[in-house]
Protein backbone atom coordinates (compact mmCIF):
# COMPACT_ATOMS: atom_id res chain seq x y z
CA MET A 1 10.98 -30.06 13.53
CA LYS A 2 12.48 -28.77 10.30
CA HIS A 3 10.52 -26.09 8.48
CA GLN A 4 10.55 -25.00 4.85
CA TYR A 5 12.55 -21.84 5.68
CA SER A 6 15.55 -21.72 7.98
CA GLY A 7 15.74 -18.86 10.48
CA ARG A 8 18.43 -17.19 8.40
CA GLU A 9 16.40 -17.44 5.19
CA LEU A 10 13.32 -16.09 6.97
CA TYR A 11 14.97 -12.99 8.35
CA SER A 12 17.03 -12.35 5.22
CA LEU A 13 13.65 -11.99 3.50
CA ILE A 14 11.82 -10.06 6.25
CA ILE A 15 14.40 -7.46 7.35
CA PRO A 16 14.93 -5.92 3.88
CA LEU A 17 11.17 -5.85 3.35
CA ILE A 18 10.66 -3.90 6.59
CA ALA A 19 13.34 -1.47 5.44
CA ASP A 20 11.69 -1.33 2.01
CA SER A 21 8.32 -0.60 3.66
CA PHE A 22 9.90 2.27 5.59
CA LEU A 23 11.50 3.68 2.47
CA SER A 24 8.22 3.44 0.53
CA ILE A 25 6.38 5.34 3.27
CA LEU A 26 9.18 7.89 3.36
CA ILE A 27 8.50 8.94 -0.24
CA GLY A 28 4.92 9.96 0.55
CA MET A 29 5.94 11.43 3.89
CA ALA A 30 8.66 13.53 2.25
CA ASP A 31 6.13 15.05 -0.15
CA THR A 32 3.75 15.96 2.69
CA VAL A 33 6.40 17.29 5.09
CA MET A 34 8.41 19.25 2.52
CA VAL A 35 5.26 20.72 0.95
CA SER A 36 4.09 21.84 4.41
CA THR A 37 6.34 24.91 4.06
CA CYS A 38 3.77 26.15 1.52
CA GLY A 39 0.96 26.09 4.12
CA GLU A 40 -2.04 23.96 5.12
CA ALA A 41 -3.67 24.37 1.70
CA ALA A 42 -0.69 22.70 0.02
CA VAL A 43 -0.68 19.85 2.57
CA SER A 44 -4.41 19.40 2.00
CA GLY A 45 -4.01 19.40 -1.80
CA VAL A 46 -1.32 16.72 -1.72
CA SER A 47 -3.39 14.66 0.75
CA LEU A 48 -6.52 14.74 -1.44
CA VAL A 49 -4.60 13.70 -4.56
CA ASP A 50 -2.92 10.89 -2.63
CA SER A 51 -6.33 9.57 -1.53
CA ILE A 52 -7.41 9.26 -5.19
CA SER A 53 -3.99 8.12 -6.35
CA ASN A 54 -3.94 5.32 -3.77
CA LEU A 55 -7.15 3.96 -5.27
CA LEU A 56 -5.49 3.54 -8.66
CA ILE A 57 -2.15 2.42 -7.27
CA ASN A 58 -4.01 -0.29 -5.37
CA LEU A 59 -5.03 -1.85 -8.68
CA PHE A 60 -1.38 -2.14 -9.69
CA SER A 61 -0.53 -3.68 -6.32
CA ALA A 62 -3.42 -6.14 -6.58
CA PHE A 63 -2.20 -7.54 -9.89
CA ALA A 64 1.39 -7.56 -8.60
CA THR A 65 0.14 -9.58 -5.62
CA GLY A 66 -1.70 -11.95 -7.96
CA GLY A 67 1.48 -12.47 -9.93
CA ALA A 68 3.52 -12.95 -6.76
CA VAL A 69 1.12 -15.61 -5.47
CA VAL A 70 1.19 -17.57 -8.75
CA VAL A 71 4.98 -17.29 -9.09
CA SER A 72 5.56 -18.22 -5.43
CA GLN A 73 3.40 -21.33 -5.71
CA TYR A 74 5.19 -22.45 -8.89
CA LEU A 75 8.56 -21.89 -7.19
CA GLY A 76 7.36 -23.83 -4.13
CA ARG A 77 6.41 -26.71 -6.42
CA GLY A 78 9.79 -26.53 -8.18
CA ASP A 79 8.30 -25.56 -11.56
CA ASP A 80 10.78 -22.82 -12.58
CA GLY A 81 9.62 -22.77 -16.20
CA ASN A 82 6.03 -21.80 -15.43
CA ALA A 83 7.28 -19.38 -12.76
CA ARG A 84 9.33 -17.56 -15.43
CA VAL A 85 6.40 -17.46 -17.87
CA SER A 86 4.17 -16.12 -15.08
CA ALA A 87 6.69 -13.37 -14.37
CA LYS A 88 6.63 -12.13 -17.97
CA ASN A 89 2.85 -12.20 -18.18
CA LEU A 90 2.60 -10.18 -14.98
CA ILE A 91 4.66 -7.48 -16.73
CA TYR A 92 2.25 -7.47 -19.69
CA ILE A 93 -0.78 -7.09 -17.42
CA SER A 94 0.81 -4.32 -15.34
CA ALA A 95 1.88 -2.30 -18.38
CA ALA A 96 -1.52 -2.55 -20.09
CA ILE A 97 -3.60 -1.62 -17.05
CA SER A 98 -1.40 1.28 -15.88
CA ILE A 99 -1.18 2.90 -19.32
CA MET A 100 -4.94 2.58 -19.75
CA MET A 101 -5.57 4.16 -16.34
CA THR A 102 -3.29 7.09 -17.09
CA LEU A 103 -4.93 7.76 -20.46
CA ILE A 104 -8.41 7.68 -18.90
CA VAL A 105 -7.78 9.72 -15.75
CA LEU A 106 -5.41 12.40 -17.07
CA PRO A 107 -7.97 14.34 -19.15
CA LEU A 108 -10.65 13.85 -16.46
CA ARG A 109 -8.57 14.77 -13.41
CA ARG A 110 -10.34 18.07 -12.64
CA GLU A 111 -13.78 16.49 -12.95
CA ILE A 112 -12.69 13.69 -10.63
CA ILE A 113 -11.45 16.16 -8.02
CA ASN A 114 -14.68 18.18 -8.29
CA THR A 115 -16.83 15.06 -8.03
CA PHE A 116 -15.22 13.83 -4.83
CA PHE A 117 -14.13 17.09 -3.22
CA GLY A 118 -16.39 19.81 -4.62
CA THR A 119 -16.46 21.75 -1.34
CA ILE A 120 -12.71 22.42 -1.09
CA GLU A 121 -11.28 25.94 -1.17
CA ASP A 122 -9.93 27.35 -4.45
CA SER A 123 -6.35 27.43 -3.14
CA VAL A 124 -6.53 23.71 -2.32
CA ARG A 125 -8.06 22.97 -5.74
CA ILE A 126 -5.14 24.68 -7.54
CA TYR A 127 -2.59 22.67 -5.58
CA THR A 128 -4.37 19.37 -6.28
CA ASP A 129 -4.13 19.93 -10.06
CA GLU A 130 -0.47 20.94 -9.90
CA TYR A 131 0.42 17.77 -7.99
CA PHE A 132 -1.92 15.38 -9.82
CA VAL A 133 -0.49 15.72 -13.35
CA PRO A 134 3.05 14.41 -12.72
CA ILE A 135 1.68 11.75 -10.34
CA LEU A 136 -0.61 10.46 -13.11
CA LEU A 137 2.29 10.34 -15.58
CA SER A 138 4.24 8.21 -13.11
CA TYR A 139 1.63 5.41 -12.96
CA PRO A 140 3.03 3.14 -15.73
CA PHE A 141 6.51 3.29 -14.19
CA LEU A 142 5.16 2.68 -10.68
CA ALA A 143 3.02 -0.26 -11.84
CA LEU A 144 5.95 -1.94 -13.57
CA TYR A 145 8.18 -1.21 -10.58
CA SER A 146 5.57 -2.84 -8.29
CA ALA A 147 5.41 -5.92 -10.52
CA LEU A 148 9.21 -6.25 -10.66
CA THR A 149 9.61 -5.87 -6.89
CA ALA A 150 6.86 -8.47 -6.34
CA LEU A 151 8.85 -10.89 -8.51
CA SER A 152 12.04 -10.19 -6.58
CA ARG A 153 10.24 -10.92 -3.31
CA ALA A 154 8.85 -14.16 -4.73
CA GLU A 155 12.42 -15.18 -5.54
CA ASN A 156 13.54 -14.28 -1.98
CA ARG A 157 15.67 -11.37 -3.26
CA SER A 158 14.30 -8.68 -0.96
CA PHE A 159 17.70 -7.01 -0.48
CA ARG A 160 17.45 -5.98 -4.12
CA THR A 161 14.13 -4.15 -3.61
CA MET A 162 15.45 -2.44 -0.47
CA GLY A 163 18.42 -1.01 -2.35
CA VAL A 164 16.27 0.34 -5.17
CA SER A 165 13.85 1.89 -2.66
CA ALA A 166 16.78 3.67 -1.03
CA LEU A 167 17.82 5.06 -4.40
CA MET A 168 14.28 6.27 -5.10
CA ASN A 169 14.11 8.02 -1.73
CA VAL A 170 17.39 9.81 -2.26
CA MET A 171 16.17 11.01 -5.65
CA ASN A 172 12.76 12.01 -4.32
CA ILE A 173 14.00 13.94 -1.30
CA GLY A 174 16.80 15.57 -3.29
CA GLY A 175 14.36 16.47 -6.06
CA ASN A 176 11.92 17.92 -3.52
CA ALA A 177 14.64 20.06 -2.02
CA ILE A 178 15.60 21.44 -5.44
CA LEU A 179 12.10 21.88 -6.89
CA ILE A 180 10.15 22.92 -3.77
CA TYR A 181 12.72 24.99 -1.91
CA GLY A 182 15.05 26.02 -4.71
CA ALA A 183 12.69 26.54 -7.63
CA GLY A 184 9.64 27.40 -5.49
CA MET A 185 7.41 24.96 -7.41
CA GLY A 186 5.45 23.74 -4.36
CA PRO A 187 3.25 20.62 -4.87
CA ARG A 188 4.07 20.53 -8.60
CA GLY A 189 7.73 20.13 -7.70
CA ALA A 190 6.90 17.30 -5.28
CA GLY A 191 4.96 15.53 -8.03
CA ILE A 192 7.76 15.91 -10.60
CA SER A 193 10.26 14.58 -8.08
CA SER A 194 8.06 11.51 -7.45
CA LEU A 195 7.75 10.95 -11.20
CA LEU A 196 11.51 11.00 -11.75
CA SER A 197 12.19 8.69 -8.78
CA ARG A 198 9.62 6.16 -10.04
CA ILE A 199 11.13 6.18 -13.53
CA ALA A 200 14.54 5.50 -11.99
CA GLY A 201 13.17 2.71 -9.76
CA PHE A 202 11.56 0.94 -12.70
CA ALA A 203 14.70 1.26 -14.86
CA VAL A 204 17.01 -0.18 -12.19
CA MET A 205 14.67 -3.07 -11.33
CA ALA A 206 14.21 -3.93 -15.01
CA TYR A 207 17.98 -4.02 -15.49
CA MET A 208 18.43 -6.28 -12.45
CA LEU A 209 15.77 -8.78 -13.56
CA HIS A 210 17.12 -8.88 -17.11
CA LYS A 211 19.96 -11.24 -16.12
CA LYS A 212 19.46 -14.60 -17.82
CA SER A 213 20.94 -16.40 -14.80
CA ASP A 214 17.96 -15.41 -12.59
CA ILE A 215 15.12 -17.90 -12.22
CA LEU A 216 12.61 -15.12 -12.89
CA SER A 217 14.62 -13.41 -15.62
CA ILE A 218 12.53 -11.15 -17.89
CA SER A 219 15.12 -11.39 -20.66
CA GLY A 220 13.33 -11.58 -24.01
CA ILE A 221 10.21 -9.95 -22.57
CA VAL A 222 9.22 -8.58 -25.98
CA LYS A 223 9.14 -12.08 -27.52
CA GLY A 224 6.82 -13.56 -24.92
CA PRO A 225 5.35 -16.06 -24.44
CA PHE A 226 1.92 -14.54 -23.92
CA ASP A 227 0.15 -17.31 -22.00
CA LEU A 228 -3.60 -16.89 -21.53
CA SER A 229 -3.86 -19.73 -19.00
CA ILE A 230 -1.20 -18.09 -16.80
CA ILE A 231 -2.90 -14.70 -17.13
CA LYS A 232 -6.17 -16.28 -15.96
CA LYS A 233 -4.40 -17.63 -12.86
CA ILE A 234 -2.97 -14.19 -12.09
CA LEU A 235 -6.35 -12.52 -12.64
CA ARG A 236 -8.05 -15.13 -10.44
CA ILE A 237 -6.13 -13.55 -7.55
CA GLY A 238 -5.68 -10.04 -8.96
CA ILE A 239 -9.30 -9.23 -9.85
CA PRO A 240 -10.87 -10.06 -6.46
CA ALA A 241 -7.90 -8.41 -4.71
CA GLY A 242 -8.31 -5.39 -6.97
CA LEU A 243 -12.05 -5.20 -6.31
CA GLU A 244 -11.44 -5.50 -2.59
CA GLY A 245 -8.83 -2.77 -2.66
CA THR A 246 -10.91 -0.59 -4.99
CA THR A 247 -13.99 -0.69 -2.78
CA PHE A 248 -11.73 -0.04 0.21
CA HIS A 249 -10.23 3.06 -1.37
CA ILE A 250 -13.54 4.31 -2.80
CA GLY A 251 -14.84 4.16 0.74
CA LYS A 252 -11.75 6.02 1.94
CA ILE A 253 -12.30 8.70 -0.71
CA MET A 254 -15.92 9.10 0.39
CA VAL A 255 -14.73 9.50 3.94
CA GLN A 256 -12.05 11.92 2.72
CA ALA A 257 -14.78 13.95 1.01
CA LEU A 258 -16.63 14.00 4.33
CA THR A 259 -13.43 15.21 5.97
CA ALA A 260 -13.06 17.92 3.31
CA SER A 261 -16.50 19.24 4.24
CA LEU A 262 -15.16 19.91 7.74
CA GLY A 263 -12.64 22.46 6.41
CA THR A 264 -8.97 22.81 5.46
CA SER A 265 -7.79 22.35 9.05
CA ALA A 266 -9.61 19.00 9.30
CA ILE A 267 -8.05 17.84 6.00
CA ALA A 268 -4.57 18.72 7.28
CA ILE A 269 -5.14 16.99 10.64
CA ASN A 270 -6.43 13.90 8.86
CA ALA A 271 -3.36 13.89 6.60
CA VAL A 272 -1.02 14.01 9.59
CA ALA A 273 -2.92 11.22 11.37
CA ALA A 274 -2.75 9.15 8.17
CA ASN A 275 1.03 9.55 8.19
CA PHE A 276 1.12 8.35 11.82
CA ASN A 277 -0.93 5.34 10.77
CA ALA A 278 1.61 4.68 8.01
CA TYR A 279 4.59 5.02 10.38
CA SER A 280 3.01 2.62 12.83
CA ASN A 281 2.49 -0.07 10.21
CA ILE A 282 5.94 0.06 8.63
CA PRO A 283 7.23 -3.21 10.16
CA GLY A 284 3.85 -4.90 9.74
CA ASN A 285 3.62 -4.05 6.05
CA GLY A 286 7.09 -5.46 5.44
CA ILE A 287 6.30 -8.69 7.27
CA ASN A 288 2.96 -8.96 5.45
CA LEU A 289 4.78 -8.87 2.10
CA ALA A 290 7.02 -11.69 3.30
CA LEU A 291 3.91 -13.61 4.39
CA ILE A 292 2.67 -13.78 0.79
CA THR A 293 5.97 -15.23 -0.45
CA ILE A 294 6.40 -17.68 2.43
CA VAL A 295 2.83 -18.98 2.55
CA GLY A 296 2.64 -19.02 -1.27
CA GLN A 297 5.69 -21.26 -1.55
CA CYS A 298 4.41 -23.53 1.24
CA ARG A 299 1.04 -23.82 -0.54
CA GLY A 300 2.85 -24.68 -3.77
CA ASN A 301 3.97 -27.99 -2.28
CA ASP A 302 0.89 -28.45 -0.03
CA ASN A 303 2.85 -27.86 3.17
CA PHE A 304 -0.16 -26.99 5.39
CA LYS A 305 1.71 -27.47 8.67
CA ASP A 306 4.21 -24.76 7.78
CA ILE A 307 1.45 -22.45 6.55
CA SER A 308 -0.11 -22.57 10.03
CA TYR A 309 3.27 -22.29 11.72
CA TYR A 310 4.50 -19.29 9.74
CA THR A 311 1.14 -17.51 9.97
CA LYS A 312 1.22 -17.66 13.77
CA TYR A 313 4.91 -16.82 13.96
CA LEU A 314 4.77 -13.85 11.62
CA LEU A 315 1.57 -12.52 13.21
CA MET A 316 3.30 -12.44 16.58
CA LEU A 317 6.26 -10.74 14.93
CA VAL A 318 3.93 -8.06 13.51
CA TYR A 319 2.50 -7.44 16.98
CA ALA A 320 5.92 -7.22 18.65
CA SER A 321 7.44 -4.91 16.04
CA THR A 322 4.36 -2.65 15.86
CA ILE A 323 4.28 -2.15 19.62
CA ALA A 324 8.03 -1.50 19.68
CA ILE A 325 7.83 1.26 17.06
CA ASN A 326 4.68 2.82 18.54
CA ILE A 327 5.99 3.39 22.07
CA PRO A 328 8.47 6.15 21.09
CA PHE A 329 6.01 7.65 18.56
CA PHE A 330 3.36 7.86 21.30
CA ALA A 331 5.74 9.68 23.64
CA LEU A 332 7.05 12.05 20.95
CA ALA A 333 3.72 12.67 19.16
CA PRO A 334 3.58 16.46 19.80
CA ASN A 335 7.16 16.92 18.59
CA VAL A 336 6.59 14.87 15.43
CA ILE A 337 3.29 16.59 14.60
CA SER A 338 4.89 20.03 14.97
CA ILE A 339 7.05 19.24 11.90
CA TYR A 340 3.98 19.47 9.66
CA GLY A 341 3.49 23.20 10.13
CA LEU A 342 -0.09 23.03 11.48
CA GLU A 343 -1.75 25.95 13.16
CA PRO A 344 -1.55 25.77 17.02
CA SER A 345 -5.25 24.86 17.36
CA SER A 346 -4.92 22.14 14.70
CA LEU A 347 -1.79 20.76 16.36
CA ALA A 348 -3.57 20.47 19.73
CA GLU A 349 -6.45 18.60 18.09
CA ALA A 350 -4.14 16.27 16.15
CA VAL A 351 -2.16 14.96 19.14
CA PRO A 352 -4.91 12.82 20.80
CA ILE A 353 -6.13 11.58 17.40
CA CYS A 354 -2.63 10.41 16.45
CA ARG A 355 -2.00 8.81 19.83
CA LEU A 356 -5.24 6.84 19.74
CA CYS A 357 -4.31 5.68 16.24
CA LEU A 358 -1.04 4.26 17.58
CA VAL A 359 -2.92 2.32 20.28
CA ALA A 360 -5.39 0.87 17.75
CA CYS A 361 -2.55 -0.09 15.41
CA SER A 362 -0.86 -1.98 18.24
CA MET A 363 -3.98 -3.87 19.31
CA VAL A 364 -6.18 -4.52 16.25
CA TRP A 365 -4.35 -3.78 12.97
CA PRO A 366 -2.25 -7.01 12.78
CA LEU A 367 -5.30 -9.30 12.82
CA ALA A 368 -7.17 -7.08 10.37
CA PHE A 369 -4.37 -6.76 7.79
CA SER A 370 -1.89 -9.62 8.26
CA LEU A 371 -4.33 -12.53 8.14
CA PRO A 372 -5.84 -11.53 4.76
CA ASN A 373 -2.35 -11.70 3.22
CA MET A 374 -2.12 -15.29 4.34
CA LEU A 375 -5.52 -15.97 2.76
CA LYS A 376 -4.45 -14.28 -0.48
CA ALA A 377 -1.34 -16.42 -0.64
CA VAL A 378 -3.39 -19.64 -0.58
CA GLY A 379 -5.97 -18.25 -3.04
CA ASP A 380 -8.90 -17.59 -0.67
CA VAL A 381 -9.56 -14.18 -2.21
CA ARG A 382 -13.35 -14.27 -2.56
CA TYR A 383 -13.81 -14.45 1.20
CA ILE A 384 -11.47 -11.48 1.59
CA LEU A 385 -13.60 -9.52 -0.89
CA PHE A 386 -16.79 -10.35 1.03
CA ALA A 387 -15.37 -9.53 4.46
CA SER A 388 -13.61 -6.33 3.42
CA PHE A 389 -16.56 -5.00 1.41
CA SER A 390 -19.04 -5.61 4.22
CA SER A 391 -16.86 -4.16 6.94
CA MET A 392 -15.77 -1.12 4.93
CA TRP A 393 -19.23 0.06 3.94
CA ILE A 394 -21.03 -0.74 7.16
CA PHE A 395 -18.50 0.51 9.68
CA ARG A 396 -15.95 2.87 8.09
CA VAL A 397 -18.20 4.71 5.61
CA GLY A 398 -21.57 4.26 7.35
CA GLY A 399 -20.14 4.90 10.80
CA ALA A 400 -18.24 8.02 9.74
CA TYR A 401 -21.26 9.63 8.04
CA LEU A 402 -23.48 8.72 10.99
CA MET A 403 -21.15 10.28 13.56
CA VAL A 404 -20.40 13.43 11.53
CA ARG A 405 -23.82 14.13 10.01
CA LEU A 406 -26.12 12.90 12.78
CA PHE A 407 -24.04 13.53 15.90
CA SER A 408 -22.12 16.58 14.55
CA MET A 409 -18.73 15.16 15.53
CA GLY A 410 -15.46 16.43 14.04
CA VAL A 411 -12.49 14.81 12.31
CA GLU A 412 -12.01 12.39 15.23
CA ALA A 413 -15.18 10.56 14.09
CA ILE A 414 -13.41 9.54 10.87
CA TRP A 415 -10.89 7.62 12.92
CA TYR A 416 -13.40 6.08 15.35
CA ALA A 417 -15.26 4.63 12.36
CA MET A 418 -12.00 3.25 10.97
CA TYR A 419 -11.27 1.41 14.21
CA LEU A 420 -14.72 -0.20 14.10
CA ASP A 421 -13.87 -1.38 10.57
CA TRP A 422 -10.57 -2.85 11.79
CA ILE A 423 -12.30 -4.74 14.62
CA ALA A 424 -14.86 -6.25 12.25
CA ARG A 425 -12.12 -7.33 9.82
CA ALA A 426 -10.07 -8.84 12.63
CA VAL A 427 -13.02 -10.97 13.75
CA LEU A 428 -14.00 -12.11 10.24
CA PHE A 429 -10.46 -13.02 9.13
CA SER A 430 -9.61 -14.76 12.42
CA LEU A 431 -12.70 -16.95 12.12
CA ARG A 432 -11.79 -17.86 8.53
CA VAL A 433 -8.23 -18.85 9.38
CA ILE A 434 -9.35 -20.89 12.40
CA SER A 435 -12.03 -22.70 10.34
CA GLY A 436 -9.40 -24.17 7.98
CA ARG A 437 -11.62 -23.71 4.90
CA TRP A 438 -8.73 -21.99 3.14
CA LYS A 439 -7.10 -25.42 2.75
CA THR A 440 -9.55 -26.28 -0.05
CA LYS A 441 -8.45 -23.32 -2.21
CA ARG A 442 -6.07 -23.84 -5.13
CA VAL A 443 -4.46 -21.47 -7.63
CA ILE A 444 -2.16 -23.69 -9.74
């Protein structure tokens, strides 16, 4: 039976996105690893800022996803004109929201840190402020970069995003080496390097999408058109996705605050385990991005058979690739963790936590985080909001506070609670996909 995508088209989309996912993770990993030479306090400071930063970055990603879904469905229908208008309006939304967020958070950054992490040591507090300022200034460029890469994926041009990610990584790692090691700027240097790499990424992507020959060309972006009906379609996906992601990251910040109360060593261990979690999900995240484009285009022409086919196929691909990458990480966990410069006692505690994380990622994570991307692509975002909100607050936040406060457990409890959250999500999203109720949802 012939499907909407040939095998060659499918893998020409997926493989660059997996590479892009790796390169995106590498930017954050490079900051943490290269800053580790400044000690556990520096690692902890960067980790705490990243937990807050990820909350705000999630909003940019949510609207980029909303734009990608709308554009993909128009492309699947063959309506290139509305796809191009949707692309430009996504840029307007991304620019407005990111600039507003920067202007609000920048003067309040210290109060935000104190509100969430008031118990941290003074040395950690200093490092958080040094790193936070350049990261905040990078938000508008990162938001626009996220929107432009989402458009490239919708147009099946994932090789383009992979190349720009590679450029950003070279700039970030090179900048870290100069500013952290050469100039001795510590976390501030890591933040400045991230800022410069994000500016470069946005500039290159904007240049690439400015070609008038592209279906989703943003040429003439200043002239419009500003289309309120298109913006409503994007927000219909973006707002629930943003709320879902926001509640998810607020919960994570609350759990991070709980971790901070356990001491600097616990913060550092948690940061390392979070990096292991990110490594493990590199192929899955790339495939999940492809899932939005593929299912979105299939939904655009009401091709329900291929939606079911590609969901099953790509889910199995996420499982296979995640297990493949986790086997060597499991075996080499002590060697990898030693790179982070932890104290010997912290290193010994981190190894079993990281290994259990790899097992959970291999068994539960694909169902919990691949299936909702399929539901987003067809427009079933309200159910995702309900399921994610319930699971996050009952299991991850409630479970973590229960285990730490009532049973006096350590940093490992944070991760046990997270796995309970994953299991609940996996059950809820699997039931929704099997029910077929998503077929009644429509975006365009």
